[in-house]
Amino acid sequence: MASLSTLFRRFVPAALAALCLGAAPAWAQVTPAAGSTPPDDTPSIKVGSTIFLDYLYQSSPKGTDADGNAISPNAFEVGRAYINVTGKVSHLFEFRVTPDVTKEAGSGSTVNGSYVFRVKYAFGQINLDDWMPKGSWIRFGMNQTPYLDFMEGIYRYRFQGTMAAERAGYITSSDAGVSLHVNFPHNYGDVHAGFYNGDGYSHFEANNEKAFQGRVSIRPAPRSPIGKGLRFTAFFIEDHYVKDAPRRRGIFTGTYEHKYATLGVEYFTTRDQKSATLSEMTGNGYSIWFIPKSTTGWEGLVRYDHVKPTKGVSATRNMTIAGVSYWFPHTGGPTAAILFDYEQVDSSNYAPAVPAQKRVYVHMLVNF
């Protein structure tokens, strides 16, 4: 065995030399544990797109042309076009920028009917996988609100139209703010919550109030072959139009996913007081949807929405959707689908009266 003096003469000069050169001595290097893979910190960037293409034929109500002739309105449309730019600085930090190309609908605008450019998502993401369950993160900037992005991963027909609470104008899919997402261990569910401006990505912040939004989803039997597709979700918004004038939302959803079908039941409540001097208004609604599936790419879609905008007032709005879709075979993330559907909206006891709306659609989705 070497003497202590021999060890001293062998290692100390080498260590001092390494330190003087600004490098760590050889004996200070740490070898990764056998079988472990160091995180990939190689910077990267990807570009993709999401496109909604539509053809609409409206049989009711009829319209009129410039000469006053009765017509059935119909049109080819680009419902939405996203350009998705995502990137990774390291395994700890990612980002996303998504411009949204949509049609300008303002009647007084000089670009009315033109397609305009706006930002849907623009955020930085700090990944927390080193300290928390995989898939946990913090986002800062214009990012997804907790409910819709999650739910549309189950109900994947946003290219037909928005979900019930968003279609009724109660919630939005993106807003500027900061949010935290944490997965529960063993796939029992997740939680996503954050503070947002509250007015959505398509509006400026209107006041000094901030909206707290939170969602909790529970998968009660993640290890059961039959029960793992069952999830229960609760979502709420606590916000104010102005001081002492609340804007609150609550949504409670049960979903079940299976190889041959997906089922969802959603109930929501609303509470709005646009000024402290005005009366508070409450509303509610529900949505039920069923998606039978085949192993050849064909799916059905049946959905029914019921909305009562104001409690104590008899006005209601009901929407029925029925259609059939084909999802083109693919490998990996890119998807493409075509949907043929019929949509009917009946509004009862509105003043002035709102005629029934009956439409036939052809929708196409391209996502890569």
Protein backbone atom coordinates (compact mmCIF):
# COMPACT_ATOMS: atom_id res chain seq x y z
CA MET A 1 0.00 0.00 0.00
CA ALA A 2 1.36 3.44 -0.91
CA SER A 3 2.41 5.61 2.02
CA LEU A 4 0.56 8.82 2.90
CA SER A 5 3.53 10.90 1.74
CA THR A 6 3.48 9.15 -1.65
CA LEU A 7 -0.27 9.85 -2.05
CA PHE A 8 0.28 13.47 -1.03
CA ARG A 9 3.06 13.98 -3.59
CA ARG A 10 1.00 12.26 -6.33
CA PHE A 11 -2.37 14.04 -6.02
CA VAL A 12 -1.83 17.46 -4.43
CA PRO A 13 0.40 18.95 -7.18
CA ALA A 14 -1.99 17.70 -9.87
CA ALA A 15 -4.95 19.22 -8.05
CA LEU A 16 -3.22 22.57 -7.60
CA ALA A 17 -2.22 22.64 -11.26
CA ALA A 18 -5.77 21.88 -12.37
CA LEU A 19 -7.20 24.60 -10.15
CA CYS A 20 -4.70 27.15 -11.43
CA LEU A 21 -5.77 26.31 -15.00
CA GLY A 22 -9.45 26.79 -14.09
CA ALA A 23 -10.34 23.09 -14.47
CA ALA A 24 -11.58 20.57 -11.97
CA PRO A 25 -9.07 17.89 -10.89
CA ALA A 26 -9.55 14.46 -12.35
CA TRP A 27 -10.52 12.97 -9.01
CA ALA A 28 -13.41 15.50 -8.74
CA GLN A 29 -15.24 14.19 -11.81
CA VAL A 30 -18.51 12.36 -11.15
CA THR A 31 -19.31 9.36 -13.28
CA PRO A 32 -23.06 8.90 -14.01
CA ALA A 33 -24.62 5.95 -12.26
CA ALA A 34 -24.74 2.79 -14.31
CA GLY A 35 -27.88 2.61 -16.43
CA SER A 36 -28.82 6.30 -16.02
CA THR A 37 -29.22 8.63 -18.99
CA PRO A 38 -28.29 12.29 -18.54
CA PRO A 39 -30.99 14.76 -19.64
CA ASP A 40 -30.82 16.00 -23.22
CA ASP A 41 -29.96 19.70 -23.12
CA THR A 42 -29.51 20.10 -26.87
CA PRO A 43 -31.41 23.23 -28.02
CA SER A 44 -34.05 22.55 -30.68
CA ILE A 45 -36.91 24.24 -32.52
CA LYS A 46 -39.88 22.83 -34.44
CA VAL A 47 -42.50 24.35 -36.73
CA GLY A 48 -45.95 22.87 -37.32
CA SER A 49 -49.46 23.95 -38.20
CA THR A 50 -53.12 23.35 -37.34
CA ILE A 51 -55.72 24.11 -40.03
CA PHE A 52 -59.54 24.04 -39.86
CA LEU A 53 -61.25 24.02 -43.28
CA ASP A 54 -65.05 24.27 -43.65
CA TYR A 55 -67.92 24.24 -46.09
CA LEU A 56 -71.25 25.54 -44.72
CA TYR A 57 -74.75 25.25 -46.17
CA GLN A 58 -77.49 26.96 -44.14
CA SER A 59 -81.01 25.83 -44.90
CA SER A 60 -82.63 27.98 -42.18
CA PRO A 61 -83.04 30.86 -41.77
CA LYS A 62 -82.97 31.92 -45.39
CA GLY A 63 -81.02 34.96 -46.46
CA THR A 64 -81.43 37.47 -49.28
CA ASP A 65 -79.02 38.61 -51.98
CA ALA A 66 -78.49 42.17 -53.25
CA ASP A 67 -81.62 41.93 -55.41
CA GLY A 68 -83.77 40.66 -52.56
CA ASN A 69 -83.90 37.07 -53.79
CA ALA A 70 -84.32 34.39 -51.10
CA ILE A 71 -81.17 32.29 -50.82
CA SER A 72 -79.67 29.56 -48.66
CA PRO A 73 -76.33 31.02 -47.49
CA ASN A 74 -73.32 28.80 -48.18
CA ALA A 75 -69.58 29.35 -48.20
CA PHE A 76 -66.14 27.79 -48.13
CA GLU A 77 -64.17 29.02 -45.13
CA VAL A 78 -60.82 28.72 -43.41
CA GLY A 79 -62.06 28.42 -39.85
CA ARG A 80 -58.62 28.64 -38.29
CA ALA A 81 -54.94 28.40 -39.18
CA TYR A 82 -52.28 28.10 -36.47
CA ILE A 83 -48.54 28.28 -37.04
CA ASN A 84 -47.01 26.43 -34.11
CA VAL A 85 -43.40 27.28 -33.25
CA THR A 86 -42.09 25.28 -30.30
CA GLY A 87 -38.57 25.08 -28.98
CA LYS A 88 -36.33 23.81 -26.20
CA VAL A 89 -33.44 25.72 -24.66
CA SER A 90 -32.62 22.85 -22.30
CA HIS A 91 -34.52 20.08 -20.56
CA LEU A 92 -35.53 22.70 -17.98
CA PHE A 93 -36.87 25.41 -20.30
CA GLU A 94 -39.14 25.35 -23.37
CA PHE A 95 -41.23 27.91 -25.24
CA ARG A 96 -44.09 28.18 -27.70
CA VAL A 97 -45.30 30.89 -30.08
CA THR A 98 -48.54 30.30 -32.00
CA PRO A 99 -49.85 32.98 -34.37
CA ASP A 100 -53.54 32.52 -35.16
CA VAL A 101 -54.88 33.43 -38.59
CA THR A 102 -58.62 34.13 -38.35
CA LYS A 103 -61.27 36.11 -40.23
CA GLU A 104 -61.91 39.73 -39.26
CA ALA A 105 -65.60 40.03 -38.39
CA GLY A 106 -65.94 43.70 -37.42
CA SER A 107 -68.50 45.36 -39.67
CA GLY A 108 -66.80 48.76 -39.35
CA SER A 109 -63.34 47.49 -40.13
CA THR A 110 -61.56 48.22 -43.41
CA VAL A 111 -60.39 44.59 -43.42
CA ASN A 112 -63.83 43.11 -42.72
CA GLY A 113 -63.87 39.60 -44.17
CA SER A 114 -60.08 39.44 -44.55
CA TYR A 115 -57.89 37.00 -42.69
CA VAL A 116 -55.88 38.71 -39.98
CA PHE A 117 -52.91 37.70 -37.83
CA ARG A 118 -52.97 37.62 -34.03
CA VAL A 119 -51.13 35.74 -31.30
CA LYS A 120 -52.90 32.81 -29.60
CA TYR A 121 -50.01 31.45 -27.50
CA ALA A 122 -46.66 32.99 -26.52
CA PHE A 123 -45.13 31.59 -23.36
CA GLY A 124 -42.02 30.26 -21.67
CA GLN A 125 -42.23 26.97 -19.78
CA ILE A 126 -40.06 25.87 -16.85
CA ASN A 127 -40.12 22.07 -16.60
CA LEU A 128 -40.24 20.67 -13.07
CA ASP A 129 -39.51 17.01 -13.88
CA ASP A 130 -36.28 17.07 -11.87
CA TRP A 131 -38.19 17.78 -8.67
CA MET A 132 -41.83 16.78 -9.26
CA PRO A 133 -43.77 14.08 -11.18
CA LYS A 134 -42.99 13.98 -14.90
CA GLY A 135 -45.12 16.40 -16.90
CA SER A 136 -45.16 19.12 -14.23
CA TRP A 137 -44.34 22.69 -15.29
CA ILE A 138 -44.81 26.45 -14.84
CA ARG A 139 -45.86 28.64 -17.79
CA PHE A 140 -45.55 32.41 -18.02
CA GLY A 141 -47.10 34.48 -20.81
CA MET A 142 -50.08 33.88 -23.06
CA ASN A 143 -50.82 30.24 -22.32
CA GLN A 144 -53.63 27.71 -22.22
CA THR A 145 -56.32 28.17 -19.60
CA PRO A 146 -56.78 25.03 -17.48
CA TYR A 147 -60.03 23.56 -18.79
CA LEU A 148 -60.42 23.67 -22.56
CA ASP A 149 -56.97 22.49 -23.63
CA PHE A 150 -57.30 19.49 -21.30
CA MET A 151 -60.86 18.64 -22.27
CA GLU A 152 -60.28 18.96 -26.00
CA GLY A 153 -57.68 16.20 -25.68
CA ILE A 154 -60.64 13.95 -24.85
CA TYR A 155 -63.29 15.60 -27.03
CA ARG A 156 -61.17 16.13 -30.13
CA TYR A 157 -63.78 17.83 -32.35
CA ARG A 158 -62.90 21.46 -31.82
CA PHE A 159 -62.61 21.71 -35.61
CA GLN A 160 -66.41 21.20 -35.69
CA GLY A 161 -66.94 23.98 -33.16
CA THR A 162 -66.10 25.04 -29.64
CA MET A 163 -67.32 23.28 -26.51
CA ALA A 164 -70.55 24.38 -24.84
CA ALA A 165 -69.28 26.83 -22.21
CA GLU A 166 -66.92 28.52 -24.68
CA ARG A 167 -69.56 28.68 -27.41
CA ALA A 168 -71.88 30.42 -24.96
CA GLY A 169 -69.15 33.00 -24.26
CA TYR A 170 -68.39 32.02 -20.66
CA ILE A 171 -64.77 30.87 -20.95
CA THR A 172 -61.80 31.22 -23.28
CA SER A 173 -59.04 28.85 -24.33
CA SER A 174 -56.03 31.16 -23.85
CA ASP A 175 -55.12 34.16 -21.72
CA ALA A 176 -52.04 36.03 -20.49
CA GLY A 177 -50.87 34.99 -17.04
CA VAL A 178 -48.87 32.44 -15.05
CA SER A 179 -49.96 28.87 -14.36
CA LEU A 180 -48.72 25.70 -12.67
CA HIS A 181 -49.42 22.12 -13.77
CA VAL A 182 -48.68 19.06 -11.62
CA ASN A 183 -49.35 15.41 -12.42
CA PHE A 184 -50.39 13.11 -9.58
CA PRO A 185 -48.24 10.01 -9.05
CA HIS A 186 -49.24 6.71 -10.70
CA ASN A 187 -51.52 8.43 -13.26
CA TYR A 188 -54.27 9.26 -10.74
CA GLY A 189 -54.90 12.64 -12.37
CA ASP A 190 -53.52 16.17 -12.42
CA VAL A 191 -54.09 19.75 -11.31
CA HIS A 192 -53.65 22.95 -13.34
CA ALA A 193 -54.16 26.40 -11.82
CA GLY A 194 -53.05 29.95 -12.43
CA PHE A 195 -53.67 33.69 -12.39
CA TYR A 196 -54.74 35.30 -15.68
CA ASN A 197 -55.88 38.71 -16.89
CA GLY A 198 -59.35 37.22 -17.24
CA ASP A 199 -60.47 38.76 -20.54
CA GLY A 200 -58.94 36.19 -22.90
CA TYR A 201 -56.28 36.36 -25.59
CA SER A 202 -58.50 38.33 -27.99
CA HIS A 203 -59.07 41.27 -25.60
CA PHE A 204 -56.97 43.78 -23.70
CA GLU A 205 -56.93 43.66 -19.92
CA ALA A 206 -59.96 45.76 -18.94
CA ASN A 207 -59.22 46.48 -15.27
CA ASN A 208 -56.92 45.77 -12.34
CA GLU A 209 -58.67 42.51 -11.45
CA LYS A 210 -57.04 39.14 -12.06
CA ALA A 211 -58.81 35.82 -12.61
CA PHE A 212 -57.87 32.74 -10.65
CA GLN A 213 -58.60 29.60 -12.68
CA GLY A 214 -58.16 26.07 -11.41
CA ARG A 215 -58.86 22.53 -12.60
CA VAL A 216 -58.54 19.22 -10.78
CA SER A 217 -58.97 15.93 -12.67
CA ILE A 218 -59.13 12.56 -10.94
CA ARG A 219 -58.69 9.14 -12.56
CA PRO A 220 -60.01 6.83 -9.80
CA ALA A 221 -58.87 3.49 -11.27
CA PRO A 222 -55.76 4.08 -13.45
CA ARG A 223 -54.58 0.47 -13.24
CA SER A 224 -57.89 -1.16 -14.14
CA PRO A 225 -58.22 -2.23 -17.80
CA ILE A 226 -61.87 -1.14 -17.74
CA GLY A 227 -61.81 1.71 -15.24
CA LYS A 228 -58.69 3.56 -16.41
CA GLY A 229 -60.68 5.50 -19.00
CA LEU A 230 -62.90 7.12 -16.35
CA ARG A 231 -62.11 10.68 -15.23
CA PHE A 232 -63.89 13.30 -13.13
CA THR A 233 -63.02 16.98 -13.52
CA ALA A 234 -63.87 20.13 -11.57
CA PHE A 235 -62.99 23.60 -12.89
CA PHE A 236 -63.71 27.06 -11.53
CA ILE A 237 -62.98 30.73 -12.20
CA GLU A 238 -62.95 33.45 -9.56
CA ASP A 239 -62.80 36.89 -11.19
CA HIS A 240 -64.39 40.36 -11.05
CA TYR A 241 -65.58 42.78 -13.73
CA VAL A 242 -64.83 45.62 -11.28
CA LYS A 243 -64.44 45.74 -7.52
CA ASP A 244 -67.32 43.94 -5.73
CA ALA A 245 -68.80 42.77 -9.07
CA PRO A 246 -68.03 39.04 -9.46
CA ARG A 247 -67.55 36.93 -12.57
CA ARG A 248 -67.57 33.26 -11.56
CA ARG A 249 -67.68 29.98 -13.46
CA GLY A 250 -67.93 26.40 -12.32
CA ILE A 251 -67.77 23.32 -14.57
CA PHE A 252 -68.13 19.69 -13.49
CA THR A 253 -67.43 16.94 -16.02
CA GLY A 254 -67.36 13.18 -16.18
CA THR A 255 -65.71 11.44 -19.14
CA TYR A 256 -65.03 7.88 -20.17
CA GLU A 257 -62.61 6.87 -22.92
CA HIS A 258 -62.53 3.42 -24.52
CA LYS A 259 -61.15 1.94 -27.68
CA TYR A 260 -64.62 1.83 -29.20
CA ALA A 261 -66.30 4.92 -27.69
CA THR A 262 -65.86 8.16 -25.77
CA LEU A 263 -68.59 9.66 -23.60
CA GLY A 264 -68.74 13.02 -21.82
CA VAL A 265 -71.24 14.78 -19.56
CA GLU A 266 -70.58 18.42 -18.65
CA TYR A 267 -72.54 20.76 -16.34
CA PHE A 268 -71.66 24.43 -15.83
CA THR A 269 -72.88 27.36 -13.74
CA THR A 270 -72.26 31.09 -14.18
CA ARG A 271 -72.51 34.17 -11.97
CA ASP A 272 -72.13 37.66 -13.45
CA GLN A 273 -72.45 41.18 -12.05
CA LYS A 274 -71.01 43.66 -14.55
CA SER A 275 -71.19 46.56 -12.11
CA ALA A 276 -71.61 46.87 -8.36
CA THR A 277 -74.72 48.96 -9.10
CA LEU A 278 -76.36 46.22 -11.20
CA SER A 279 -78.15 43.06 -10.15
CA GLU A 280 -76.30 39.76 -10.20
CA MET A 281 -77.29 37.30 -12.92
CA THR A 282 -76.85 33.54 -12.78
CA GLY A 283 -77.08 30.92 -15.49
CA ASN A 284 -76.36 27.27 -16.16
CA GLY A 285 -76.18 24.66 -18.85
CA TYR A 286 -75.06 21.18 -19.76
CA SER A 287 -73.58 19.27 -22.66
CA ILE A 288 -73.68 15.55 -23.45
CA TRP A 289 -71.59 13.99 -26.21
CA PHE A 290 -71.02 10.48 -27.47
CA ILE A 291 -68.37 9.36 -29.98
CA PRO A 292 -68.62 5.75 -31.22
CA LYS A 293 -65.39 4.55 -32.84
CA SER A 294 -64.24 1.82 -35.20
CA THR A 295 -60.81 0.33 -35.76
CA THR A 296 -60.79 1.53 -39.40
CA GLY A 297 -60.77 5.31 -38.76
CA TRP A 298 -64.51 5.92 -38.91
CA GLU A 299 -66.21 7.66 -35.97
CA GLY A 300 -69.62 9.06 -35.16
CA LEU A 301 -70.40 12.26 -33.26
CA VAL A 302 -73.60 12.98 -31.35
CA ARG A 303 -73.81 16.03 -29.07
CA TYR A 304 -76.56 17.97 -27.31
CA ASP A 305 -76.09 21.32 -25.52
CA HIS A 306 -78.61 23.13 -23.33
CA VAL A 307 -77.92 26.67 -22.08
CA LYS A 308 -80.09 28.80 -19.79
CA PRO A 309 -78.36 32.21 -19.80
CA THR A 310 -80.37 33.73 -16.93
CA LYS A 311 -81.97 31.92 -14.02
CA GLY A 312 -85.59 32.97 -13.52
CA VAL A 313 -86.02 33.86 -17.22
CA SER A 314 -87.54 31.25 -19.53
CA ALA A 315 -85.16 31.87 -22.45
CA THR A 316 -83.11 28.79 -23.39
CA ARG A 317 -80.85 27.72 -26.25
CA ASN A 318 -80.49 24.10 -27.38
CA MET A 319 -78.01 22.78 -29.92
CA THR A 320 -77.94 19.35 -31.54
CA ILE A 321 -75.00 18.02 -33.57
CA ALA A 322 -74.89 14.71 -35.44
CA GLY A 323 -72.17 13.62 -37.82
CA VAL A 324 -69.74 11.02 -39.10
CA SER A 325 -65.98 11.45 -39.48
CA TYR A 326 -63.00 9.66 -40.97
CA TRP A 327 -59.54 9.95 -39.40
CA PHE A 328 -56.84 9.24 -41.96
CA PRO A 329 -54.22 6.63 -41.01
CA HIS A 330 -51.03 8.19 -39.67
CA THR A 331 -47.85 7.50 -37.74
CA GLY A 332 -46.82 9.69 -34.83
CA GLY A 333 -48.22 13.11 -34.02
CA PRO A 334 -49.64 14.47 -37.33
CA THR A 335 -53.37 13.93 -37.82
CA ALA A 336 -55.93 14.62 -40.53
CA ALA A 337 -59.69 14.10 -40.47
CA ILE A 338 -62.85 14.97 -42.37
CA LEU A 339 -66.27 15.39 -40.73
CA PHE A 340 -69.75 15.57 -42.27
CA ASP A 341 -72.30 16.87 -39.79
CA TYR A 342 -75.67 18.51 -39.26
CA GLU A 343 -76.15 21.24 -36.65
CA GLN A 344 -79.41 22.72 -35.37
CA VAL A 345 -79.75 25.55 -32.84
CA ASP A 346 -83.17 26.28 -31.31
CA SER A 347 -83.63 29.42 -29.19
CA SER A 348 -86.84 29.62 -27.14
CA ASN A 349 -88.55 32.59 -25.46
CA TYR A 350 -86.06 35.20 -26.58
CA ALA A 351 -87.26 38.75 -27.26
CA PRO A 352 -87.07 39.49 -30.11
CA ALA A 353 -87.59 35.92 -31.32
CA VAL A 354 -84.57 34.08 -32.72
CA PRO A 355 -85.32 31.71 -35.63
CA ALA A 356 -84.08 28.13 -35.64
CA GLN A 357 -80.71 27.70 -37.31
CA LYS A 358 -80.14 24.60 -39.45
CA ARG A 359 -76.78 23.98 -41.09
CA VAL A 360 -74.96 21.23 -42.96
CA TYR A 361 -71.17 21.25 -42.68
CA VAL A 362 -68.11 19.63 -44.15
CA HIS A 363 -65.15 20.14 -41.80
CA MET A 364 -61.53 19.18 -42.37
CA LEU A 365 -58.69 19.07 -39.83
CA VAL A 366 -54.98 19.12 -40.66
CA ASN A 367 -52.58 19.01 -37.71
CA PHE A 368 -48.84 18.44 -38.06
